[in-house]
Amino acid sequence: MKRQIFYIDYPQEHQGDALHAYQCKFCKIDTVKINGLLENHLPNCIYRTEKEKTITE
């Protein structure tokens, strides 16, 4: 798989009681902070590590 500009296919979950606030299901980083960038997930995030294994530049 070639590197993409944005990665938005990660599992998300509600963040607290906020109606429109979501976070990555695995690393719990706010989706606004992730901003579609793989490197904005935590380095040990399951989504990030699995996705990085599939990327060929």
N, C-alpha and C. Protein backbone atom coordinates (compact mmCIF):
# COMPACT_ATOMS: atom_id res chain seq x y z
N MET A 1 0.85 -1.18 0.00
CA MET A 1 0.00 0.00 0.00
C MET A 1 0.89 1.24 0.00
N LYS A 2 0.58 2.19 -0.86
CA LYS A 2 1.35 3.43 -0.89
C LYS A 2 0.91 4.34 0.26
N ARG A 3 1.83 5.19 0.68
CA ARG A 3 1.52 6.15 1.74
C ARG A 3 0.45 7.12 1.25
N GLN A 4 -0.53 7.36 2.09
CA GLN A 4 -1.60 8.30 1.80
C GLN A 4 -1.32 9.62 2.51
N ILE A 5 -2.02 10.65 2.10
CA ILE A 5 -1.88 11.94 2.78
C ILE A 5 -2.62 11.90 4.11
N PHE A 6 -3.85 11.39 4.10
CA PHE A 6 -4.66 11.34 5.31
C PHE A 6 -5.13 9.91 5.59
N TYR A 7 -5.19 9.58 6.87
CA TYR A 7 -5.68 8.28 7.32
C TYR A 7 -6.86 8.53 8.27
N ILE A 8 -8.05 8.23 7.79
CA ILE A 8 -9.24 8.50 8.61
C ILE A 8 -10.07 7.24 8.84
N ASP A 9 -9.50 6.09 8.54
CA ASP A 9 -10.25 4.84 8.67
C ASP A 9 -10.03 4.14 10.01
N TYR A 10 -9.49 4.85 10.98
CA TYR A 10 -9.25 4.25 12.29
C TYR A 10 -10.54 4.22 13.11
N PRO A 11 -10.70 3.22 13.99
CA PRO A 11 -11.90 3.13 14.82
C PRO A 11 -11.97 4.30 15.80
N GLN A 12 -13.13 4.89 15.91
CA GLN A 12 -13.32 6.04 16.79
C GLN A 12 -14.39 5.74 17.83
N GLU A 13 -14.30 6.46 18.93
CA GLU A 13 -15.31 6.35 19.99
C GLU A 13 -15.57 7.73 20.56
N HIS A 14 -16.74 7.88 21.19
CA HIS A 14 -17.08 9.16 21.82
C HIS A 14 -16.06 9.48 22.90
N GLN A 15 -15.83 10.77 23.06
CA GLN A 15 -14.88 11.24 24.06
C GLN A 15 -15.67 11.94 25.16
N GLY A 16 -15.78 11.29 26.29
CA GLY A 16 -16.50 11.88 27.42
C GLY A 16 -17.97 12.10 27.11
N ASP A 17 -18.51 13.19 27.64
CA ASP A 17 -19.93 13.51 27.46
C ASP A 17 -20.19 14.43 26.28
N ALA A 18 -19.14 14.90 25.62
CA ALA A 18 -19.30 15.83 24.50
C ALA A 18 -19.99 15.12 23.33
N LEU A 19 -20.94 15.80 22.73
CA LEU A 19 -21.76 15.21 21.68
C LEU A 19 -20.96 14.93 20.41
N HIS A 20 -20.09 15.86 20.02
CA HIS A 20 -19.38 15.73 18.75
C HIS A 20 -17.88 15.54 18.93
N ALA A 21 -17.44 15.06 20.08
CA ALA A 21 -16.02 14.84 20.32
C ALA A 21 -15.71 13.34 20.23
N TYR A 22 -14.75 13.02 19.39
CA TYR A 22 -14.36 11.62 19.19
C TYR A 22 -12.86 11.47 19.40
N GLN A 23 -12.46 10.22 19.65
CA GLN A 23 -11.05 9.91 19.84
C GLN A 23 -10.76 8.55 19.21
N CYS A 24 -9.49 8.31 18.95
CA CYS A 24 -9.08 6.99 18.45
C CYS A 24 -9.41 5.95 19.51
N LYS A 25 -9.99 4.86 19.10
CA LYS A 25 -10.36 3.80 20.03
C LYS A 25 -9.14 3.20 20.73
N PHE A 26 -8.00 3.19 20.06
CA PHE A 26 -6.81 2.53 20.60
C PHE A 26 -5.93 3.45 21.44
N CYS A 27 -5.56 4.61 20.92
CA CYS A 27 -4.62 5.47 21.65
C CYS A 27 -5.29 6.61 22.42
N LYS A 28 -6.61 6.78 22.22
CA LYS A 28 -7.41 7.76 22.94
C LYS A 28 -7.04 9.22 22.63
N ILE A 29 -6.35 9.46 21.51
CA ILE A 29 -6.03 10.82 21.10
C ILE A 29 -7.24 11.41 20.38
N ASP A 30 -7.55 12.66 20.69
CA ASP A 30 -8.67 13.38 20.08
C ASP A 30 -8.52 13.41 18.56
N THR A 31 -9.61 13.18 17.84
CA THR A 31 -9.55 13.17 16.38
C THR A 31 -9.14 14.52 15.80
N VAL A 32 -9.44 15.60 16.50
CA VAL A 32 -9.02 16.92 16.03
C VAL A 32 -7.50 17.03 16.09
N LYS A 33 -6.89 16.48 17.13
CA LYS A 33 -5.43 16.50 17.25
C LYS A 33 -4.78 15.56 16.24
N ILE A 34 -5.43 14.44 15.96
CA ILE A 34 -4.90 13.50 14.96
C ILE A 34 -4.92 14.15 13.59
N ASN A 35 -6.01 14.82 13.26
CA ASN A 35 -6.13 15.59 12.02
C ASN A 35 -5.80 14.76 10.77
N GLY A 36 -6.12 13.47 10.81
CA GLY A 36 -5.91 12.62 9.65
C GLY A 36 -4.48 12.16 9.43
N LEU A 37 -3.56 12.53 10.31
CA LEU A 37 -2.15 12.19 10.14
C LEU A 37 -1.76 10.99 10.98
N LEU A 38 -1.18 10.02 10.34
CA LEU A 38 -0.79 8.78 11.02
C LEU A 38 0.18 9.06 12.16
N GLU A 39 1.10 9.98 11.95
CA GLU A 39 2.11 10.28 12.97
C GLU A 39 1.55 11.02 14.18
N ASN A 40 0.30 11.45 14.13
CA ASN A 40 -0.31 12.11 15.28
C ASN A 40 -0.97 11.13 16.25
N HIS A 41 -1.04 9.85 15.87
CA HIS A 41 -1.43 8.82 16.82
C HIS A 41 -0.22 8.56 17.71
N LEU A 42 -0.43 8.00 18.89
CA LEU A 42 0.70 7.65 19.74
C LEU A 42 1.58 6.62 19.04
N PRO A 43 2.89 6.63 19.28
CA PRO A 43 3.79 5.68 18.62
C PRO A 43 3.41 4.21 18.87
N ASN A 44 2.81 3.92 20.00
CA ASN A 44 2.43 2.53 20.31
C ASN A 44 0.96 2.23 20.01
N CYS A 45 0.29 3.11 19.30
CA CYS A 45 -1.12 2.91 18.93
C CYS A 45 -1.23 1.70 18.00
N ILE A 46 -2.14 0.80 18.30
CA ILE A 46 -2.32 -0.41 17.49
C ILE A 46 -2.65 -0.05 16.05
N TYR A 47 -3.53 0.92 15.85
CA TYR A 47 -3.89 1.33 14.49
C TYR A 47 -2.65 1.81 13.75
N ARG A 48 -1.88 2.69 14.37
CA ARG A 48 -0.68 3.25 13.73
C ARG A 48 0.34 2.16 13.40
N THR A 49 0.65 1.30 14.36
CA THR A 49 1.68 0.28 14.12
C THR A 49 1.25 -0.70 13.03
N GLU A 50 -0.01 -1.09 13.02
CA GLU A 50 -0.49 -2.01 11.98
C GLU A 50 -0.50 -1.34 10.61
N LYS A 51 -0.90 -0.08 10.56
CA LYS A 51 -0.95 0.64 9.29
C LYS A 51 0.46 0.86 8.74
N GLU A 52 1.42 1.17 9.62
CA GLU A 52 2.80 1.39 9.18
C GLU A 52 3.41 0.12 8.59
N LYS A 53 2.98 -1.03 9.04
CA LYS A 53 3.48 -2.30 8.50
C LYS A 53 3.05 -2.51 7.05
N THR A 54 1.93 -1.92 6.66
CA THR A 54 1.38 -2.13 5.32
C THR A 54 1.86 -1.09 4.31
N ILE A 55 2.55 -0.06 4.77
CA ILE A 55 2.95 1.03 3.88
C ILE A 55 4.27 0.69 3.19
N THR A 56 4.27 0.82 1.87
CA THR A 56 5.50 0.71 1.09
C THR A 56 5.69 2.01 0.35
N GLU A 57 6.83 2.58 0.50
CA GLU A 57 7.07 3.89 -0.13
C GLU A 57 7.64 3.73 -1.52
